N, C-alpha and C. Protein backbone atom coordinates (compact mmCIF):
# COMPACT_ATOMS: atom_id res chain seq x y z
N MET A 1 0.90 -1.07 -0.10
CA MET A 1 0.05 0.23 0.19
C MET A 1 1.00 0.93 0.06
N ASP A 2 0.69 2.12 -1.24
CA ASP A 2 1.54 3.46 -0.86
C ASP A 2 0.67 4.43 0.12
N GLN A 3 1.60 5.37 0.63
CA GLN A 3 1.01 6.19 1.83
C GLN A 3 1.40 7.76 0.93
N GLU A 4 0.09 7.86 1.18
CA GLU A 4 -0.21 9.24 -0.05
C GLU A 4 0.28 10.01 -0.05
N PRO A 5 1.18 11.15 -0.44
CA PRO A 5 2.74 11.71 0.01
C PRO A 5 1.32 13.10 1.16
N TRP A 6 -0.13 13.74 0.47
CA TRP A 6 -0.66 14.35 1.10
C TRP A 6 -0.60 14.68 2.49
N ARG A 7 -1.02 13.23 2.32
CA ARG A 7 -1.35 12.48 4.14
C ARG A 7 -0.50 12.49 4.89
N ALA A 8 0.82 12.03 4.76
CA ALA A 8 1.89 12.43 5.84
C ALA A 8 1.94 14.26 5.71
N THR A 9 1.84 14.24 4.94
CA THR A 9 1.89 16.49 5.16
C THR A 9 0.72 17.07 6.15
N LYS A 10 -0.14 16.62 5.23
CA LYS A 10 -0.80 16.78 6.48
C LYS A 10 -0.99 16.65 8.34
N ARG A 11 -0.56 15.32 8.31
CA ARG A 11 0.11 14.47 10.03
C ARG A 11 1.46 15.57 9.93
N GLN A 12 1.85 16.02 9.27
CA GLN A 12 2.96 16.92 9.69
C GLN A 12 2.48 17.91 10.48
N GLU A 13 1.43 18.77 9.48
CA GLU A 13 1.04 19.79 9.66
C GLU A 13 0.66 20.27 10.96
N ARG A 14 -0.44 19.04 11.50
CA ARG A 14 -1.03 19.03 12.78
C ARG A 14 -0.17 19.39 13.81
N LEU A 15 0.93 18.19 14.06
CA LEU A 15 1.82 18.17 14.39
C LEU A 15 3.00 19.37 14.59
N GLN A 16 2.90 20.00 13.76
CA GLN A 16 3.34 21.59 14.12
C GLN A 16 2.38 22.40 15.02
N GLY A 17 1.34 22.35 14.05
CA GLY A 17 0.21 23.40 14.99
C GLY A 17 -0.05 23.45 16.53
N TRP A 18 0.58 21.84 16.66
CA TRP A 18 0.31 21.36 18.01
C TRP A 18 1.07 21.65 19.18
N ASP A 19 2.81 22.49 17.99
CA ASP A 19 3.78 22.25 18.61
C ASP A 19 4.35 21.29 19.21
N ILE A 20 4.32 19.98 18.82
CA ILE A 20 5.20 18.80 18.43
C ILE A 20 6.06 18.55 17.21
N ASP A 21 7.58 18.05 18.16
CA ASP A 21 8.02 18.00 16.19
C ASP A 21 7.75 17.03 16.11
N VAL A 22 8.10 16.97 14.46
CA VAL A 22 7.73 15.99 13.75
C VAL A 22 8.26 14.79 13.92
N THR A 23 9.57 14.67 13.68
CA THR A 23 10.44 13.29 14.42
C THR A 23 9.46 12.99 15.25
N LYS A 24 9.53 13.79 16.61
CA LYS A 24 9.54 13.54 17.78
C LYS A 24 7.71 12.79 18.05
N GLY A 25 7.23 13.63 17.60
CA GLY A 25 5.36 13.10 16.88
C GLY A 25 5.70 11.97 16.17
N GLU A 26 6.23 11.52 14.87
CA GLU A 26 5.80 9.94 14.38
C GLU A 26 6.68 9.11 14.45
N SER A 27 7.60 9.30 15.57
CA SER A 27 8.01 8.26 16.66
C SER A 27 7.50 7.88 17.97
N LEU A 28 6.60 8.86 18.60
CA LEU A 28 5.65 9.21 19.45
C LEU A 28 4.15 7.72 19.22
N ILE A 29 4.33 8.48 17.67
CA ILE A 29 2.61 7.45 17.26
C ILE A 29 3.40 6.06 16.79
N ALA A 30 4.44 6.29 16.33
CA ALA A 30 4.71 4.87 16.38
C ALA A 30 4.87 4.16 17.70
N THR A 31 5.17 4.38 18.82
CA THR A 31 5.47 3.70 19.89
C THR A 31 4.18 3.47 20.76
N PHE A 32 3.35 4.15 20.16
CA PHE A 32 1.55 4.19 20.93
C PHE A 32 1.18 3.14 19.72
N ALA A 33 1.57 2.81 18.81
CA ALA A 33 1.52 1.85 17.85
C ALA A 33 1.74 0.72 18.73
N ALA A 34 3.18 0.54 18.70
CA ALA A 34 3.51 -0.64 19.36
C ALA A 34 2.65 -0.94 20.84
N LEU A 35 2.58 -0.14 21.52
CA LEU A 35 1.88 0.18 23.15
C LEU A 35 0.84 -0.62 22.85
N ALA A 36 -0.27 0.12 21.67
CA ALA A 36 -1.90 -0.89 21.66
C ALA A 36 -1.42 -2.08 20.91
N LEU A 37 -0.36 -2.01 20.18
CA LEU A 37 -0.35 -3.78 20.48
C LEU A 37 -0.28 -4.53 20.93
N HIS A 38 1.05 -4.01 21.78
CA HIS A 38 1.44 -5.52 22.95
C HIS A 38 0.19 -5.15 23.42
N SER A 39 -0.35 -4.21 24.35
CA SER A 39 -1.74 -4.63 25.28
C SER A 39 -2.98 -5.70 24.63
N VAL A 40 -3.29 -5.86 23.68
CA VAL A 40 -3.74 -6.27 22.53
C VAL A 40 -3.54 -7.72 23.18
N VAL A 41 -1.73 -8.22 22.32
CA VAL A 41 -1.32 -9.33 22.86
C VAL A 41 -1.33 -10.02 24.60
N ALA A 42 -1.25 -8.83 25.00
CA ALA A 42 -1.06 -9.22 26.82
C ALA A 42 -3.04 -9.52 27.06
N ASP A 43 -3.61 -8.79 25.99
CA ASP A 43 -5.33 -9.69 26.47
C ASP A 43 -5.17 -11.21 25.94
N ALA A 44 -4.91 -11.01 24.67
CA ALA A 44 -4.94 -12.22 24.25
C ALA A 44 -4.27 -13.09 25.27
N THR A 45 -3.11 -13.50 25.83
CA THR A 45 -2.85 -14.10 26.58
C THR A 45 -3.49 -14.73 27.69
N ALA A 46 -3.69 -13.37 28.40
CA ALA A 46 -4.20 -13.29 29.75
C ALA A 46 -5.73 -14.42 29.17
N ALA A 47 -6.30 -14.40 28.51
CA ALA A 47 -7.40 -15.05 27.57
C ALA A 47 -6.69 -16.41 26.78
N GLY A 48 -5.29 -17.07 27.29
CA GLY A 48 -4.66 -18.31 26.80
C GLY A 48 -4.13 -18.71 25.68
N ARG A 49 -4.10 -17.72 24.83
CA ARG A 49 -3.68 -17.77 23.94
C ARG A 49 -1.87 -17.41 24.22
N ALA A 50 -1.61 -18.07 23.30
CA ALA A 50 0.55 -18.46 23.18
C ALA A 50 0.72 -16.94 22.94
N ARG A 51 1.87 -17.06 23.77
CA ARG A 51 2.88 -15.06 22.62
C ARG A 51 3.57 -15.87 21.93
N THR A 52 3.04 -16.18 20.77
CA THR A 52 3.74 -16.81 19.76
C THR A 52 3.29 -15.04 18.78
N THR A 53 4.61 -15.33 17.82
CA THR A 53 4.80 -14.59 16.52
C THR A 53 3.47 -14.90 15.12
N ALA A 54 2.96 -16.37 15.18
CA ALA A 54 1.80 -16.67 15.23
C ALA A 54 0.90 -15.54 15.45
N VAL A 55 0.39 -15.67 16.33
CA VAL A 55 -1.02 -15.60 17.23
C VAL A 55 -0.67 -13.79 16.95
N VAL A 56 0.12 -13.11 17.34
CA VAL A 56 0.75 -11.37 16.43
C VAL A 56 -0.24 -11.72 15.28
N ASN A 57 0.76 -12.20 14.44
CA ASN A 57 0.59 -12.10 13.39
C ASN A 57 -1.22 -12.18 12.50
N ASP A 58 -1.40 -13.31 13.29
CA ASP A 58 -3.17 -13.51 13.28
C ASP A 58 -4.31 -12.37 13.91
N LEU A 59 -3.65 -11.60 14.92
CA LEU A 59 -4.81 -10.27 15.23
C LEU A 59 -5.45 -9.32 14.57
N PRO A 60 -6.12 -8.88 13.85
CA PRO A 60 -6.86 -8.59 13.30
C PRO A 60 -7.00 -7.06 14.00
N LEU A 61 -6.08 -6.51 12.77
CA LEU A 61 -5.39 -5.24 12.91
C LEU A 61 -6.67 -4.06 13.31
N ALA A 62 -8.01 -4.65 13.27
CA ALA A 62 -9.12 -3.74 13.71
C ALA A 62 -9.24 -3.95 15.32
N ALA A 63 -8.52 -5.29 15.93
CA ALA A 63 -8.34 -5.20 17.46
C ALA A 63 -7.45 -4.00 17.55
N VAL A 64 -6.59 -3.77 16.80
CA VAL A 64 -5.30 -2.72 17.57
C VAL A 64 -5.99 -1.38 17.61
N VAL A 65 -6.96 -1.28 16.03
CA VAL A 65 -7.78 0.05 16.52
C VAL A 65 -8.63 -0.07 16.97
N GLU A 66 -9.59 -1.09 17.62
CA GLU A 66 -10.42 -0.76 19.32
C GLU A 66 -9.81 -0.33 20.11
N ALA A 67 -8.14 -1.26 20.37
CA ALA A 67 -7.67 -0.61 21.56
C ALA A 67 -7.15 0.71 21.74
N THR A 68 -7.33 1.46 20.31
CA THR A 68 -6.82 2.87 20.53
C THR A 68 -7.66 3.73 20.39
N THR A 69 -9.27 2.67 20.99
CA THR A 69 -10.23 3.70 20.81
C THR A 69 -10.66 3.66 22.76
N THR A 70 -10.42 2.39 23.01
CA THR A 70 -11.22 2.24 24.13
C THR A 70 -10.47 2.03 25.24
N LYS A 71 -8.63 1.17 25.42
CA LYS A 71 -8.47 1.43 26.08
C LYS A 71 -7.74 3.00 26.79
N ARG A 72 -7.76 3.24 27.86
CA ARG A 72 -7.31 4.44 28.67
C ARG A 72 -5.79 4.48 28.35
N ASP A 73 -5.10 5.40 28.67
CA ASP A 73 -4.10 5.78 28.61
C ASP A 73 -3.25 4.24 29.67
N PHE A 74 -3.73 4.76 30.69
CA PHE A 74 -3.49 3.80 31.41
C PHE A 74 -3.01 2.16 31.58
N GLU A 75 -4.04 1.95 30.64
CA GLU A 75 -4.14 0.42 29.99
C GLU A 75 -3.03 0.29 29.43
N ILE A 76 -3.48 0.87 28.52
CA ILE A 76 -1.98 0.93 27.08
C ILE A 76 -0.66 0.69 27.80
N LEU A 77 -0.62 1.63 29.14
CA LEU A 77 0.66 1.64 29.73
C LEU A 77 1.46 0.42 30.78
N ALA A 78 0.23 -0.12 31.36
CA ALA A 78 0.34 -1.62 32.00
C ALA A 78 0.82 -2.58 31.35
N ALA A 79 0.61 -2.51 29.72
CA ALA A 79 1.04 -3.21 29.10
C ALA A 79 2.38 -3.11 28.95
N MET A 80 2.95 -1.92 29.49
CA MET A 80 4.40 -1.44 28.25
C MET A 80 5.27 -2.53 29.05
N PRO A 81 6.20 -3.16 28.04
CA PRO A 81 7.43 -3.80 28.69
C PRO A 81 8.14 -3.51 29.63
N THR A 82 8.95 -4.70 30.32
CA THR A 82 9.87 -4.15 31.64
C THR A 82 10.50 -4.22 31.44
N GLU A 83 11.46 -4.80 29.76
CA GLU A 83 12.62 -4.88 29.71
C GLU A 83 12.67 -4.91 28.51
N TYR A 84 14.27 -3.82 27.65
CA TYR A 84 14.18 -3.70 26.58
C TYR A 84 15.23 -4.06 25.19
N THR A 85 15.29 -3.89 24.68
CA THR A 85 16.19 -4.89 23.37
C THR A 85 16.90 -3.55 22.92
N ASP A 86 17.12 -2.55 23.08
CA ASP A 86 17.92 -0.95 22.68
C ASP A 86 17.29 0.16 23.23
N GLU A 87 18.67 0.68 23.71
CA GLU A 87 17.85 2.14 24.41
C GLU A 87 17.29 2.86 23.51
N ASN A 88 17.06 2.97 22.45
CA ASN A 88 16.35 3.96 21.89
C ASN A 88 14.76 3.73 22.33
N GLU A 89 14.78 2.26 22.32
CA GLU A 89 13.26 2.35 22.63
C GLU A 89 13.49 2.26 23.80
N LYS A 90 13.89 2.04 24.94
CA LYS A 90 13.45 1.98 26.17
C LYS A 90 13.24 3.83 26.16
N ALA A 91 14.14 4.83 25.32
CA ALA A 91 14.04 5.35 25.32
C ALA A 91 12.75 6.67 24.98
N SER A 92 12.31 6.12 23.98
CA SER A 92 10.86 6.03 23.76
C SER A 92 9.80 6.28 24.65
N LEU A 93 10.00 4.44 24.99
CA LEU A 93 8.72 4.24 25.92
C LEU A 93 9.04 5.07 27.17
N ASN A 94 10.09 5.82 27.74
CA ASN A 94 10.18 6.32 29.12
C ASN A 94 9.36 8.07 28.62
N TYR A 95 9.91 8.35 27.43
CA TYR A 95 9.41 9.47 26.89
C TYR A 95 7.99 9.34 26.70
N PHE A 96 6.91 8.48 26.33
CA PHE A 96 5.89 7.88 26.49
C PHE A 96 4.83 8.26 28.46
N ARG A 97 5.88 7.96 28.51
CA ARG A 97 4.73 7.34 30.52
C ARG A 97 4.83 8.65 30.91
N LEU A 98 5.95 9.21 30.67
CA LEU A 98 6.50 10.70 31.07
C LEU A 98 4.72 11.36 30.29
N LEU A 99 4.70 11.47 29.79
CA LEU A 99 3.74 12.26 28.97
C LEU A 99 2.84 12.11 29.22
N SER A 100 2.39 10.81 29.91
CA SER A 100 0.93 10.25 30.58
C SER A 100 0.56 10.85 31.61
N TYR A 101 2.18 11.74 32.39
CA TYR A 101 2.03 12.83 33.46
C TYR A 101 1.73 14.12 33.19
N GLN A 102 2.03 15.18 32.29
CA GLN A 102 1.68 15.83 31.52
C GLN A 102 0.46 16.68 31.94
N ARG A 103 0.15 17.44 32.00
CA ARG A 103 -0.77 18.87 32.15
C ARG A 103 -0.49 19.79 31.12
N GLY A 104 -1.65 21.00 30.81
CA GLY A 104 -1.47 21.99 30.37
C GLY A 104 -1.10 21.39 28.80
N ARG A 105 -0.60 22.16 27.50
CA ARG A 105 -0.31 22.29 26.35
C ARG A 105 0.23 20.65 25.60
N THR A 106 1.08 19.61 26.37
CA THR A 106 1.98 18.80 26.28
C THR A 106 1.14 17.97 27.33
N GLY A 107 0.03 18.13 28.41
CA GLY A 107 -0.86 17.05 28.02
C GLY A 107 -1.80 16.66 27.03
N LEU A 108 -2.62 17.97 26.35
CA LEU A 108 -2.64 16.99 25.17
C LEU A 108 -2.03 16.00 23.72
N TRP A 109 -0.96 15.82 24.22
CA TRP A 109 0.17 15.36 23.13
C TRP A 109 -1.06 13.58 22.66
N LEU A 110 -0.85 13.20 23.99
CA LEU A 110 -0.76 11.78 24.05
C LEU A 110 -2.82 11.36 23.42
N PRO A 111 -3.94 12.04 23.64
CA PRO A 111 -5.17 12.19 22.72
C PRO A 111 -4.89 12.62 21.76
N ARG A 112 -3.94 13.44 21.35
CA ARG A 112 -3.80 14.32 20.01
C ARG A 112 -2.78 13.46 18.92
N LEU A 113 -1.86 12.70 19.49
CA LEU A 113 -1.34 11.45 19.19
C LEU A 113 -2.25 10.10 19.09
N ARG A 114 -3.53 10.03 19.83
CA ARG A 114 -4.11 7.97 19.87
C ARG A 114 -5.28 8.34 18.56
N THR A 115 -5.55 10.11 18.45
CA THR A 115 -6.29 10.57 17.09
C THR A 115 -5.86 10.25 16.04
N GLU A 116 -4.27 10.89 15.62
CA GLU A 116 -3.20 10.76 14.70
C GLU A 116 -3.29 8.61 14.08
N LEU A 117 -3.05 8.46 15.36
CA LEU A 117 -3.00 6.76 15.07
C LEU A 117 -4.11 5.96 14.85
N ARG A 118 -5.43 6.11 15.45
CA ARG A 118 -6.37 5.84 14.80
C ARG A 118 -6.80 5.93 13.82
N HIS A 119 -6.28 7.17 13.33
CA HIS A 119 -7.42 7.79 12.07
C HIS A 119 -6.03 7.16 10.83
N SER A 120 -4.14 6.58 11.23
CA SER A 120 -4.35 6.18 10.05
C SER A 120 -4.36 4.59 10.34
N LEU A 121 -4.67 3.86 10.96
CA LEU A 121 -4.80 2.64 11.42
C LEU A 121 -6.21 2.39 10.24
N ILE A 122 -7.23 3.14 10.65
CA ILE A 122 -8.75 2.81 9.98
C ILE A 122 -8.28 3.37 8.24
N THR A 123 -7.85 4.60 8.24
CA THR A 123 -7.60 4.57 6.65
C THR A 123 -6.58 3.00 6.32
N LEU A 124 -5.75 2.57 6.79
CA LEU A 124 -5.28 1.32 5.95
C LEU A 124 -6.34 0.31 6.09
N THR A 125 -7.23 0.73 6.89
CA THR A 125 -8.05 -0.94 7.26
C THR A 125 -9.00 -0.76 6.13
N GLU A 126 -9.58 0.66 5.35
CA GLU A 126 -10.55 0.81 4.50
C GLU A 126 -10.37 0.87 3.24
N ARG A 127 -8.74 1.11 2.97
CA ARG A 127 -8.54 1.00 2.03
C ARG A 127 -7.96 -0.11 1.45
N SER A 128 -7.52 -1.12 2.76
CA SER A 128 -7.26 -2.76 2.31
C SER A 128 -8.07 -3.20 1.65
N CYS A 129 -7.24 -4.07 0.29
CA CYS A 129 -8.42 -4.93 -0.14
C CYS A 129 -9.55 -6.08 0.35
N LEU A 130 -8.76 -6.52 1.34
CA LEU A 130 -8.80 -7.28 2.43
C LEU A 130 -9.89 -7.05 3.19
N SER A 131 -11.01 -8.00 3.65
CA SER A 131 -12.27 -7.36 3.97
C SER A 131 -11.46 -7.46 5.83
N ALA A 132 -10.59 -8.55 5.95
CA ALA A 132 -10.08 -8.29 7.86
C ALA A 132 -9.05 -8.37 7.31
N PRO A 133 -8.12 -6.91 7.45
CA PRO A 133 -6.53 -7.21 7.85
C PRO A 133 -6.22 -7.35 8.82
N THR A 134 -5.05 -8.17 9.09
CA THR A 134 -4.32 -8.41 10.22
C THR A 134 -3.32 -7.93 10.08
N CYS A 135 -2.68 -7.93 11.52
CA CYS A 135 -1.21 -6.88 12.17
C CYS A 135 -0.13 -7.84 10.87
N ALA A 136 -0.26 -9.44 10.34
CA ALA A 136 0.72 -10.14 9.11
C ALA A 136 0.61 -8.89 8.04
N ASP A 137 -0.41 -8.72 7.82
CA ASP A 137 -1.05 -7.45 6.64
C ASP A 137 0.06 -6.30 6.56
N LEU A 138 0.11 -5.30 7.76
CA LEU A 138 0.90 -4.61 8.38
C LEU A 138 2.23 -4.07 7.84
N GLY A 139 2.30 -6.07 8.34
CA GLY A 139 3.80 -5.55 8.46
C GLY A 139 4.66 -5.74 7.15
N GLN A 140 3.51 -6.37 6.40
CA GLN A 140 3.40 -6.41 4.62
C GLN A 140 3.80 -5.15 4.28
N TRP A 141 2.65 -4.32 4.10
CA TRP A 141 2.83 -3.00 4.42
C TRP A 141 3.70 -2.14 4.21
N VAL A 142 4.19 -2.58 5.06
CA VAL A 142 5.65 -1.90 5.77
C VAL A 142 6.37 -2.28 4.79
N GLU A 143 6.92 -3.32 4.67
CA GLU A 143 7.94 -3.42 3.66
C GLU A 143 7.63 -3.35 1.98
N GLN A 144 6.83 -3.75 1.72
CA GLN A 144 6.79 -3.32 0.98
C GLN A 144 6.59 -1.80 0.47
N ALA A 145 6.19 -0.68 1.24
CA ALA A 145 6.90 0.67 1.10
C ALA A 145 8.26 0.55 1.60
N GLY A 146 8.79 0.18 1.77
CA GLY A 146 10.54 -0.02 1.74
C GLY A 146 10.20 0.90 3.56
N LEU A 147 8.82 0.87 4.64
CA LEU A 147 9.33 1.60 5.45
C LEU A 147 10.40 0.69 6.70
N ALA A 148 10.67 -0.75 6.34
CA ALA A 148 11.21 -1.53 7.17
C ALA A 148 12.79 -1.39 7.42
């Protein structure tokens, strides 16, 4: 799936309008997506499913969209991993955690980033020729777009 250039520009304009550095904002959206997916996997594990790559790949993208809508920040954060494989991942997750405590203008960042993530996932889902795209499909789209 090709990302439409105007869509990225609109998102970047919104991030700038909210006084969010575009690079940091894009990174936070990706972190939010990873945490939402992680929370869905944690729910699946709690329901008795094995924690395997196959389970993650089979998760409907709609479940991640739902998590961005129905789960509150503390629920997303509760699923946050406690072990990290690299320092950039750790820094992004810690920054995300700090944002959950912010008030004022910065306190609006998470709801705004949640909206951007949700919009992106819904757009991908609606534009897919598949009736129920999965996380594996998303991974393939990322590879095809050269973003992996």
